[in-house]
Amino acid sequence: GKGCVFSYDPVGSYQRETYRACGSASAIIQPLLDNQIGYKNQANVKPAPLTRERAKTMVRDIFASASERDIYTGDEVEISLIDASGIETHRFPSERIREDIGCV
């Protein structure tokens, strides 16, 4: 099958999407997802399939950046990779994220 998420707007309408950010940092995160996953606002770039490892790394890094700008984002990101074989969950405390990407 093809993965998706469903998003809701303030009046209760919903739609099926490939990716979506919501919450207090959504205004920070959504443009990054649009650019990196949706390939929006990029010239002469051929879209490539998103691997599990790239998705995990991208989400971790985006949340590390968002947590620096939005105090409500929290101190840990939990990423669940879901496919036909099951659910694989990874937790990254914000301090570990910053160490992993060299921001400490």
PDB file of N, CA and C in Angstrom:
ATOM      1  N   GLY A   1       0.817  -1.185   0.000  1.00  0.00           N
ATOM      2  CA  GLY A   1       0.000   0.000   0.000  1.00  0.00           C
ATOM      3  C   GLY A   1       0.860   1.248   0.000  1.00  0.00           C
ATOM      4  N   LYS A   2       0.196   2.345  -0.010  1.00  0.00           N
ATOM      5  CA  LYS A   2       0.863   3.640  -0.029  1.00  0.00           C
ATOM      6  C   LYS A   2       0.542   4.374   1.266  1.00  0.00           C
ATOM      7  N   GLY A   3       1.587   4.777   1.998  1.00  0.00           N
ATOM      8  CA  GLY A   3       1.412   5.451   3.277  1.00  0.00           C
ATOM      9  C   GLY A   3       0.763   6.809   3.144  1.00  0.00           C
ATOM     10  N   CYS A   4       0.082   7.214   4.209  1.00  0.00           N
ATOM     11  CA  CYS A   4      -0.550   8.529   4.216  1.00  0.00           C
ATOM     12  C   CYS A   4      -0.822   8.962   5.652  1.00  0.00           C
ATOM     13  N   VAL A   5      -1.193  10.209   5.790  1.00  0.00           N
ATOM     14  CA  VAL A   5      -1.690  10.753   7.047  1.00  0.00           C
ATOM     15  C   VAL A   5      -2.970  11.514   6.712  1.00  0.00           C
ATOM     16  N   PHE A   6      -3.800  11.721   7.709  1.00  0.00           N
ATOM     17  CA  PHE A   6      -4.998  12.521   7.532  1.00  0.00           C
ATOM     18  C   PHE A   6      -4.863  13.757   8.402  1.00  0.00           C
ATOM     19  N   SER A   7      -5.141  14.922   7.818  1.00  0.00           N
ATOM     20  CA  SER A   7      -5.058  16.158   8.587  1.00  0.00           C
ATOM     21  C   SER A   7      -6.442  16.786   8.691  1.00  0.00           C
ATOM     22  N   TYR A   8      -6.637  17.488   9.799  1.00  0.00           N
ATOM     23  CA  TYR A   8      -7.903  18.168  10.056  1.00  0.00           C
ATOM     24  C   TYR A   8      -7.670  19.663  10.099  1.00  0.00           C
ATOM     25  N   ASP A   9      -8.628  20.423   9.580  1.00  0.00           N
ATOM     26  CA  ASP A   9      -8.530  21.870   9.694  1.00  0.00           C
ATOM     27  C   ASP A   9      -9.390  22.346  10.870  1.00  0.00           C
ATOM     28  N   PRO A  10      -9.347  23.633  11.211  1.00  0.00           N
ATOM     29  CA  PRO A  10     -10.058  24.125  12.397  1.00  0.00           C
ATOM     30  C   PRO A  10     -11.575  23.899  12.386  1.00  0.00           C
ATOM     31  N   VAL A  11     -12.183  23.738  11.217  1.00  0.00           N
ATOM     32  CA  VAL A  11     -13.640  23.530  11.174  1.00  0.00           C
ATOM     33  C   VAL A  11     -14.020  22.054  11.056  1.00  0.00           C
ATOM     34  N   GLY A  12     -13.023  21.150  11.110  1.00  0.00           N
ATOM     35  CA  GLY A  12     -13.312  19.720  11.149  1.00  0.00           C
ATOM     36  C   GLY A  12     -13.230  18.983   9.833  1.00  0.00           C
ATOM     37  N   SER A  13     -12.905  19.669   8.759  1.00  0.00           N
ATOM     38  CA  SER A  13     -12.717  18.975   7.483  1.00  0.00           C
ATOM     39  C   SER A  13     -11.403  18.219   7.521  1.00  0.00           C
ATOM     40  N   TYR A  14     -11.310  17.134   6.783  1.00  0.00           N
ATOM     41  CA  TYR A  14     -10.068  16.372   6.767  1.00  0.00           C
ATOM     42  C   TYR A  14      -9.703  15.988   5.345  1.00  0.00           C
ATOM     43  N   GLN A  15      -8.442  15.684   5.148  1.00  0.00           N
ATOM     44  CA  GLN A  15      -7.981  15.219   3.841  1.00  0.00           C
ATOM     45  C   GLN A  15      -6.801  14.288   3.998  1.00  0.00           C
ATOM     46  N   ARG A  16      -6.637  13.404   3.027  1.00  0.00           N
ATOM     47  CA  ARG A  16      -5.531  12.449   2.991  1.00  0.00           C
ATOM     48  C   ARG A  16      -4.320  13.147   2.385  1.00  0.00           C
ATOM     49  N   GLU A  17      -3.153  12.986   3.046  1.00  0.00           N
ATOM     50  CA  GLU A  17      -1.935  13.630   2.564  1.00  0.00           C
ATOM     51  C   GLU A  17      -0.752  12.682   2.694  1.00  0.00           C
ATOM     52  N   THR A  18       0.309  12.978   1.990  1.00  0.00           N
ATOM     53  CA  THR A  18       1.530  12.185   2.063  1.00  0.00           C
ATOM     54  C   THR A  18       2.337  12.550   3.299  1.00  0.00           C
ATOM     55  N   TYR A  19       2.325  13.817   3.688  1.00  0.00           N
ATOM     56  CA  TYR A  19       3.043  14.307   4.865  1.00  0.00           C
ATOM     57  C   TYR A  19       2.332  15.547   5.378  1.00  0.00           C
ATOM     58  N   ARG A  20       2.477  15.832   6.659  1.00  0.00           N
ATOM     59  CA  ARG A  20       1.851  17.021   7.237  1.00  0.00           C
ATOM     60  C   ARG A  20       2.449  17.282   8.609  1.00  0.00           C
ATOM     61  N   ALA A  21       2.680  18.551   8.914  1.00  0.00           N
ATOM     62  CA  ALA A  21       3.103  18.966  10.253  1.00  0.00           C
ATOM     63  C   ALA A  21       1.914  19.608  10.950  1.00  0.00           C
ATOM     64  N   CYS A  22       1.789  19.353  12.241  1.00  0.00           N
ATOM     65  CA  CYS A  22       0.747  20.019  13.021  1.00  0.00           C
ATOM     66  C   CYS A  22       1.324  20.320  14.401  1.00  0.00           C
ATOM     67  N   GLY A  23       0.657  21.161  15.138  1.00  0.00           N
ATOM     68  CA  GLY A  23       1.139  21.524  16.460  1.00  0.00           C
ATOM     69  C   GLY A  23       1.772  22.893  16.481  1.00  0.00           C
ATOM     70  N   SER A  24       2.360  23.229  17.608  1.00  0.00           N
ATOM     71  CA  SER A  24       2.875  24.585  17.810  1.00  0.00           C
ATOM     72  C   SER A  24       4.014  24.963  16.861  1.00  0.00           C
ATOM     73  N   ALA A  25       4.788  24.007  16.409  1.00  0.00           N
ATOM     74  CA  ALA A  25       5.915  24.301  15.510  1.00  0.00           C
ATOM     75  C   ALA A  25       5.590  24.018  14.041  1.00  0.00           C
ATOM     76  N   SER A  26       4.325  23.804  13.727  1.00  0.00           N
ATOM     77  CA  SER A  26       3.983  23.435  12.345  1.00  0.00           C
ATOM     78  C   SER A  26       4.374  24.504  11.327  1.00  0.00           C
ATOM     79  N   ALA A  27       4.306  25.771  11.712  1.00  0.00           N
ATOM     80  CA  ALA A  27       4.700  26.837  10.780  1.00  0.00           C
ATOM     81  C   ALA A  27       6.190  26.799  10.474  1.00  0.00           C
ATOM     82  N   ILE A  28       6.978  26.237  11.383  1.00  0.00           N
ATOM     83  CA  ILE A  28       8.420  26.091  11.171  1.00  0.00           C
ATOM     84  C   ILE A  28       8.709  24.818  10.376  1.00  0.00           C
ATOM     85  N   ILE A  29       8.016  23.746  10.702  1.00  0.00           N
ATOM     86  CA  ILE A  29       8.311  22.425  10.137  1.00  0.00           C
ATOM     87  C   ILE A  29       7.734  22.216   8.737  1.00  0.00           C
ATOM     88  N   GLN A  30       6.504  22.671   8.486  1.00  0.00           N
ATOM     89  CA  GLN A  30       5.845  22.380   7.211  1.00  0.00           C
ATOM     90  C   GLN A  30       6.638  22.864   5.990  1.00  0.00           C
ATOM     91  N   PRO A  31       7.203  24.079   6.002  1.00  0.00           N
ATOM     92  CA  PRO A  31       7.989  24.491   4.838  1.00  0.00           C
ATOM     93  C   PRO A  31       9.198  23.578   4.562  1.00  0.00           C
ATOM     94  N   LEU A  32       9.813  23.061   5.635  1.00  0.00           N
ATOM     95  CA  LEU A  32      10.935  22.136   5.449  1.00  0.00           C
ATOM     96  C   LEU A  32      10.462  20.822   4.831  1.00  0.00           C
ATOM     97  N   LEU A  33       9.313  20.315   5.292  1.00  0.00           N
ATOM     98  CA  LEU A  33       8.758  19.095   4.703  1.00  0.00           C
ATOM     99  C   LEU A  33       8.382  19.320   3.243  1.00  0.00           C
ATOM    100  N   ASP A  34       7.763  20.472   2.953  1.00  0.00           N
ATOM    101  CA  ASP A  34       7.403  20.791   1.564  1.00  0.00           C
ATOM    102  C   ASP A  34       8.626  20.778   0.664  1.00  0.00           C
ATOM    103  N   ASN A  35       9.711  21.339   1.166  1.00  0.00           N
ATOM    104  CA  ASN A  35      10.931  21.429   0.376  1.00  0.00           C
ATOM    105  C   ASN A  35      11.640  20.078   0.249  1.00  0.00           C
ATOM    106  N   GLN A  36      11.817  19.367   1.352  1.00  0.00           N
ATOM    107  CA  GLN A  36      12.624  18.151   1.359  1.00  0.00           C
ATOM    108  C   GLN A  36      11.878  16.898   0.918  1.00  0.00           C
ATOM    109  N   ILE A  37      10.570  16.818   1.183  1.00  0.00           N
ATOM    110  CA  ILE A  37       9.794  15.647   0.785  1.00  0.00           C
ATOM    111  C   ILE A  37       8.961  15.940  -0.465  1.00  0.00           C
ATOM    112  N   GLY A  38       8.334  17.126  -0.490  1.00  0.00           N
ATOM    113  CA  GLY A  38       7.489  17.488  -1.621  1.00  0.00           C
ATOM    114  C   GLY A  38       8.237  18.099  -2.792  1.00  0.00           C
ATOM    115  N   TYR A  39       9.522  18.381  -2.603  1.00  0.00           N
ATOM    116  CA  TYR A  39      10.380  18.989  -3.625  1.00  0.00           C
ATOM    117  C   TYR A  39       9.801  20.298  -4.158  1.00  0.00           C
ATOM    118  N   LYS A  40       9.114  21.048  -3.301  1.00  0.00           N
ATOM    119  CA  LYS A  40       8.567  22.339  -3.696  1.00  0.00           C
ATOM    120  C   LYS A  40       9.655  23.394  -3.603  1.00  0.00           C
ATOM    121  N   ASN A  41       9.574  24.367  -4.488  1.00  0.00           N
ATOM    122  CA  ASN A  41      10.498  25.508  -4.515  1.00  0.00           C
ATOM    123  C   ASN A  41      11.945  25.092  -4.742  1.00  0.00           C
ATOM    124  N   GLN A  42      12.148  24.051  -5.542  1.00  0.00           N
ATOM    125  CA  GLN A  42      13.490  23.629  -5.913  1.00  0.00           C
ATOM    126  C   GLN A  42      13.582  23.604  -7.439  1.00  0.00           C
ATOM    127  N   ALA A  43      14.626  24.182  -7.961  1.00  0.00           N
ATOM    128  CA  ALA A  43      14.824  24.203  -9.408  1.00  0.00           C
ATOM    129  C   ALA A  43      15.791  23.097  -9.816  1.00  0.00           C
ATOM    130  N   ASN A  44      15.495  22.443 -10.908  1.00  0.00           N
ATOM    131  CA  ASN A  44      16.378  21.436 -11.513  1.00  0.00           C
ATOM    132  C   ASN A  44      16.741  20.296 -10.557  1.00  0.00           C
ATOM    133  N   VAL A  45      15.788  19.854  -9.757  1.00  0.00           N
ATOM    134  CA  VAL A  45      16.014  18.750  -8.839  1.00  0.00           C
ATOM    135  C   VAL A  45      15.047  17.627  -9.196  1.00  0.00           C
ATOM    136  N   LYS A  46      15.603  16.435  -9.367  1.00  0.00           N
ATOM    137  CA  LYS A  46      14.779  15.283  -9.694  1.00  0.00           C
ATOM    138  C   LYS A  46      14.371  14.602  -8.377  1.00  0.00           C
ATOM    139  N   PRO A  47      13.062  14.482  -8.091  1.00  0.00           N
ATOM    140  CA  PRO A  47      12.628  13.828  -6.857  1.00  0.00           C
ATOM    141  C   PRO A  47      13.144  12.393  -6.756  1.00  0.00           C
ATOM    142  N   ALA A  48      13.629  12.044  -5.581  1.00  0.00           N
ATOM    143  CA  ALA A  48      14.137  10.697  -5.319  1.00  0.00           C
ATOM    144  C   ALA A  48      13.259  10.040  -4.260  1.00  0.00           C
ATOM    145  N   PRO A  49      13.146   8.728  -4.296  1.00  0.00           N
ATOM    146  CA  PRO A  49      12.357   8.047  -3.259  1.00  0.00           C
ATOM    147  C   PRO A  49      12.932   8.331  -1.867  1.00  0.00           C
ATOM    148  N   LEU A  50      12.043   8.457  -0.909  1.00  0.00           N
ATOM    149  CA  LEU A  50      12.448   8.723   0.470  1.00  0.00           C
ATOM    150  C   LEU A  50      12.684   7.392   1.180  1.00  0.00           C
ATOM    151  N   THR A  51      13.922   7.148   1.568  1.00  0.00           N
ATOM    152  CA  THR A  51      14.252   5.906   2.270  1.00  0.00           C
ATOM    153  C   THR A  51      13.855   6.029   3.739  1.00  0.00           C
ATOM    154  N   ARG A  52      13.740   4.896   4.412  1.00  0.00           N
ATOM    155  CA  ARG A  52      13.419   4.892   5.843  1.00  0.00           C
ATOM    156  C   ARG A  52      14.481   5.647   6.640  1.00  0.00           C
ATOM    157  N   GLU A  53      15.744   5.395   6.332  1.00  0.00           N
ATOM    158  CA  GLU A  53      16.830   6.038   7.070  1.00  0.00           C
ATOM    159  C   GLU A  53      16.836   7.548   6.846  1.00  0.00           C
ATOM    160  N   ARG A  54      16.624   7.966   5.609  1.00  0.00           N
ATOM    161  CA  ARG A  54      16.575   9.408   5.305  1.00  0.00           C
ATOM    162  C   ARG A  54      15.391  10.061   6.009  1.00  0.00           C
ATOM    163  N   ALA A  55      14.235   9.385   6.028  1.00  0.00           N
ATOM    164  CA  ALA A  55      13.057   9.930   6.708  1.00  0.00           C
ATOM    165  C   ALA A  55      13.334  10.099   8.196  1.00  0.00           C
ATOM    166  N   LYS A  56      13.916   9.082   8.808  1.00  0.00           N
ATOM    167  CA  LYS A  56      14.211   9.128  10.244  1.00  0.00           C
ATOM    168  C   LYS A  56      15.193  10.260  10.565  1.00  0.00           C
ATOM    169  N   THR A  57      16.250  10.365   9.799  1.00  0.00           N
ATOM    170  CA  THR A  57      17.256  11.404  10.014  1.00  0.00           C
ATOM    171  C   THR A  57      16.671  12.792   9.788  1.00  0.00           C
ATOM    172  N   MET A  58      15.875  12.941   8.735  1.00  0.00           N
ATOM    173  CA  MET A  58      15.271  14.229   8.414  1.00  0.00           C
ATOM    174  C   MET A  58      14.329  14.689   9.529  1.00  0.00           C
ATOM    175  N   VAL A  59      13.470  13.810   9.995  1.00  0.00           N
ATOM    176  CA  VAL A  59      12.530  14.174  11.055  1.00  0.00           C
ATOM    177  C   VAL A  59      13.279  14.535  12.337  1.00  0.00           C
ATOM    178  N   ARG A  60      14.279  13.749  12.676  1.00  0.00           N
ATOM    179  CA  ARG A  60      15.085  14.035  13.870  1.00  0.00           C
ATOM    180  C   ARG A  60      15.714  15.423  13.778  1.00  0.00           C
ATOM    181  N   ASP A  61      16.322  15.737  12.654  1.00  0.00           N
ATOM    182  CA  ASP A  61      17.000  17.020  12.486  1.00  0.00           C
ATOM    183  C   ASP A  61      16.028  18.196  12.446  1.00  0.00           C
ATOM    184  N   ILE A  62      14.886  18.007  11.792  1.00  0.00           N
ATOM    185  CA  ILE A  62      13.888  19.074  11.715  1.00  0.00           C
ATOM    186  C   ILE A  62      13.337  19.382  13.103  1.00  0.00           C
ATOM    187  N   PHE A  63      13.059  18.339  13.896  1.00  0.00           N
ATOM    188  CA  PHE A  63      12.562  18.585  15.244  1.00  0.00           C
ATOM    189  C   PHE A  63      13.623  19.201  16.135  1.00  0.00           C
ATOM    190  N   ALA A  64      14.871  18.861  15.940  1.00  0.00           N
ATOM    191  CA  ALA A  64      15.947  19.501  16.714  1.00  0.00           C
ATOM    192  C   ALA A  64      15.952  20.999  16.431  1.00  0.00           C
ATOM    193  N   SER A  65      15.806  21.375  15.176  1.00  0.00           N
ATOM    194  CA  SER A  65      15.757  22.795  14.813  1.00  0.00           C
ATOM    195  C   SER A  65      14.515  23.467  15.375  1.00  0.00           C
ATOM    196  N   ALA A  66      13.379  22.806  15.260  1.00  0.00           N
ATOM    197  CA  ALA A  66      12.124  23.389  15.754  1.00  0.00           C
ATOM    198  C   ALA A  66      12.163  23.597  17.269  1.00  0.00           C
ATOM    199  N   SER A  67      12.776  22.656  17.992  1.00  0.00           N
ATOM    200  CA  SER A  67      12.817  22.778  19.455  1.00  0.00           C
ATOM    201  C   SER A  67      13.677  23.952  19.911  1.00  0.00           C
ATOM    202  N   GLU A  68      14.565  24.405  19.057  1.00  0.00           N
ATOM    203  CA  GLU A  68      15.380  25.579  19.372  1.00  0.00           C
ATOM    204  C   GLU A  68      14.579  26.870  19.226  1.00  0.00           C
ATOM    205  N   ARG A  69      13.522  26.836  18.399  1.00  0.00           N
ATOM    206  CA  ARG A  69      12.739  28.035  18.098  1.00  0.00           C
ATOM    207  C   ARG A  69      11.373  28.063  18.763  1.00  0.00           C
ATOM    208  N   ASP A  70      10.880  26.913  19.193  1.00  0.00           N
ATOM    209  CA  ASP A  70       9.534  26.816  19.752  1.00  0.00           C
ATOM    210  C   ASP A  70       9.594  26.093  21.089  1.00  0.00           C
ATOM    211  N   ILE A  71       9.330  26.812  22.183  1.00  0.00           N
ATOM    212  CA  ILE A  71       9.471  26.216  23.513  1.00  0.00           C
ATOM    213  C   ILE A  71       8.425  25.148  23.801  1.00  0.00           C
ATOM    214  N   TYR A  72       7.356  25.082  23.019  1.00  0.00           N
ATOM    215  CA  TYR A  72       6.303  24.102  23.242  1.00  0.00           C
ATOM    216  C   TYR A  72       6.542  22.783  22.510  1.00  0.00           C
ATOM    217  N   THR A  73       7.588  22.706  21.703  1.00  0.00           N
ATOM    218  CA  THR A  73       7.853  21.496  20.926  1.00  0.00           C
ATOM    219  C   THR A  73       8.242  20.322  21.805  1.00  0.00           C
ATOM    220  N   GLY A  74       8.936  20.539  22.877  1.00  0.00           N
ATOM    221  CA  GLY A  74       9.278  19.459  23.799  1.00  0.00           C
ATOM    222  C   GLY A  74      10.738  19.096  23.763  1.00  0.00           C
ATOM    223  N   ASP A  75      11.086  18.121  24.595  1.00  0.00           N
ATOM    224  CA  ASP A  75      12.479  17.744  24.783  1.00  0.00           C
ATOM    225  C   ASP A  75      12.830  16.394  24.188  1.00  0.00           C
ATOM    226  N   GLU A  76      11.920  15.785  23.464  1.00  0.00           N
ATOM    227  CA  GLU A  76      12.186  14.474  22.876  1.00  0.00           C
ATOM    228  C   GLU A  76      11.329  14.317  21.633  1.00  0.00           C
ATOM    229  N   VAL A  77      11.879  13.652  20.627  1.00  0.00           N
ATOM    230  CA  VAL A  77      11.078  13.306  19.453  1.00  0.00           C
ATOM    231  C   VAL A  77      10.967  11.785  19.400  1.00  0.00           C
ATOM    232  N   GLU A  78       9.763  11.313  19.129  1.00  0.00           N
ATOM    233  CA  GLU A  78       9.517   9.886  18.966  1.00  0.00           C
ATOM    234  C   GLU A  78       9.074   9.673  17.534  1.00  0.00           C
ATOM    235  N   ILE A  79       9.813   8.843  16.822  1.00  0.00           N
ATOM    236  CA  ILE A  79       9.553   8.581  15.411  1.00  0.00           C
ATOM    237  C   ILE A  79       9.106   7.134  15.267  1.00  0.00           C
ATOM    238  N   SER A  80       7.957   6.935  14.642  1.00  0.00           N
ATOM    239  CA  SER A  80       7.464   5.581  14.377  1.00  0.00           C
ATOM    240  C   SER A  80       7.461   5.353  12.881  1.00  0.00           C
ATOM    241  N   LEU A  81       8.210   4.358  12.450  1.00  0.00           N
ATOM    242  CA  LEU A  81       8.238   3.962  11.049  1.00  0.00           C
ATOM    243  C   LEU A  81       7.303   2.765  10.909  1.00  0.00           C
ATOM    244  N   ILE A  82       6.253   2.921  10.115  1.00  0.00           N
ATOM    245  CA  ILE A  82       5.200   1.917  10.017  1.00  0.00           C
ATOM    246  C   ILE A  82       5.136   1.363   8.609  1.00  0.00           C
ATOM    247  N   ASP A  83       5.179   0.039   8.502  1.00  0.00           N
ATOM    248  CA  ASP A  83       4.993  -0.612   7.210  1.00  0.00           C
ATOM    249  C   ASP A  83       4.329  -1.970   7.432  1.00  0.00           C
ATOM    250  N   ALA A  84       4.228  -2.764   6.374  1.00  0.00           N
ATOM    251  CA  ALA A  84       3.534  -4.051   6.449  1.00  0.00           C
ATOM    252  C   ALA A  84       4.171  -5.008   7.451  1.00  0.00           C
ATOM    253  N   SER A  85       5.461  -4.839   7.726  1.00  0.00           N
ATOM    254  CA  SER A  85       6.141  -5.753   8.657  1.00  0.00           C
ATOM    255  C   SER A  85       5.982  -5.340  10.126  1.00  0.00           C
ATOM    256  N   GLY A  86       5.443  -4.154  10.379  1.00  0.00           N
ATOM    257  CA  GLY A  86       5.232  -3.731  11.761  1.00  0.00           C
ATOM    258  C   GLY A  86       5.600  -2.287  12.010  1.00  0.00           C
ATOM    259  N   ILE A  87       5.804  -1.979  13.282  1.00  0.00           N
ATOM    260  CA  ILE A  87       6.120  -0.613  13.715  1.00  0.00           C
ATOM    261  C   ILE A  87       7.499  -0.610  14.363  1.00  0.00           C
ATOM    262  N   GLU A  88       8.324   0.296  13.911  1.00  0.00           N
ATOM    263  CA  GLU A  88       9.678   0.469  14.455  1.00  0.00           C
ATOM    264  C   GLU A  88       9.731   1.860  15.076  1.00  0.00           C
ATOM    265  N   THR A  89       9.956   1.938  16.395  1.00  0.00           N
ATOM    266  CA  THR A  89       9.931   3.211  17.099  1.00  0.00           C
ATOM    267  C   THR A  89      11.324   3.609  17.563  1.00  0.00           C
ATOM    268  N   HIS A  90      11.631   4.896  17.390  1.00  0.00           N
ATOM    269  CA  HIS A  90      12.913   5.458  17.821  1.00  0.00           C
ATOM    270  C   HIS A  90      12.628   6.692  18.655  1.00  0.00           C
ATOM    271  N   ARG A  91      13.353   6.846  19.761  1.00  0.00           N
ATOM    272  CA  ARG A  91      13.218   8.029  20.618  1.00  0.00           C
ATOM    273  C   ARG A  91      14.554   8.760  20.664  1.00  0.00           C
ATOM    274  N   PHE A  92      14.472  10.073  20.514  1.00  0.00           N
ATOM    275  CA  PHE A  92      15.660  10.909  20.556  1.00  0.00           C
ATOM    276  C   PHE A  92      15.431  12.069  21.513  1.00  0.00           C
ATOM    277  N   PRO A  93      16.052  12.042  22.711  1.00  0.00           N
ATOM    278  CA  PRO A  93      15.989  13.215  23.595  1.00  0.00           C
ATOM    279  C   PRO A  93      16.688  14.389  22.904  1.00  0.00           C
ATOM    280  N   SER A  94      16.210  15.603  23.122  1.00  0.00           N
ATOM    281  CA  SER A  94      16.757  16.760  22.407  1.00  0.00           C
ATOM    282  C   SER A  94      18.254  16.933  22.609  1.00  0.00           C
ATOM    283  N   GLU A  95      18.776  16.607  23.804  1.00  0.00           N
ATOM    284  CA  GLU A  95      20.223  16.739  24.026  1.00  0.00           C
ATOM    285  C   GLU A  95      20.997  15.786  23.111  1.00  0.00           C
ATOM    286  N   ARG A  96      20.490  14.566  22.951  1.00  0.00           N
ATOM    287  CA  ARG A  96      21.168  13.580  22.107  1.00  0.00           C
ATOM    288  C   ARG A  96      21.109  13.992  20.637  1.00  0.00           C
ATOM    289  N   ILE A  97      19.995  14.575  20.229  1.00  0.00           N
ATOM    290  CA  ILE A  97      19.876  15.031  18.844  1.00  0.00           C
ATOM    291  C   ILE A  97      20.942  16.071  18.565  1.00  0.00           C
ATOM    292  N   ARG A  98      21.055  17.060  19.470  1.00  0.00           N
ATOM    293  CA  ARG A  98      22.018  18.124  19.252  1.00  0.00           C
ATOM    294  C   ARG A  98      23.448  17.583  19.228  1.00  0.00           C
ATOM    295  N   GLU A  99      23.753  16.604  20.082  1.00  0.00           N
ATOM    296  CA  GLU A  99      25.086  15.983  20.068  1.00  0.00           C
ATOM    297  C   GLU A  99      25.336  15.243  18.758  1.00  0.00           C
ATOM    298  N   ASP A 100      24.327  14.474  18.284  1.00  0.00           N
ATOM    299  CA  ASP A 100      24.469  13.688  17.064  1.00  0.00           C
ATOM    300  C   ASP A 100      24.751  14.559  15.838  1.00  0.00           C
ATOM    301  N   ILE A 101      24.142  15.746  15.804  1.00  0.00           N
ATOM    302  CA  ILE A 101      24.326  16.598  14.623  1.00  0.00           C
ATOM    303  C   ILE A 101      25.368  17.682  14.857  1.00  0.00           C
ATOM    304  N   GLY A 102      26.074  17.613  16.007  1.00  0.00           N
ATOM    305  CA  GLY A 102      27.199  18.507  16.265  1.00  0.00           C
ATOM    306  C   GLY A 102      26.827  19.909  16.682  1.00  0.00           C
ATOM    307  N   CYS A 103      25.736  20.066  17.412  1.00  0.00           N
ATOM    308  CA  CYS A 103      25.299  21.401  17.831  1.00  0.00           C
ATOM    309  C   CYS A 103      25.590  21.711  19.284  1.00  0.00           C
ATOM    310  N   VAL A 104      26.354  20.875  19.965  1.00  0.00           N
ATOM    311  CA  VAL A 104      26.623  21.116  21.387  1.00  0.00           C
ATOM    312  C   VAL A 104      27.971  21.766  21.540  1.00  0.00           C
TER     313      VAL A 104
END
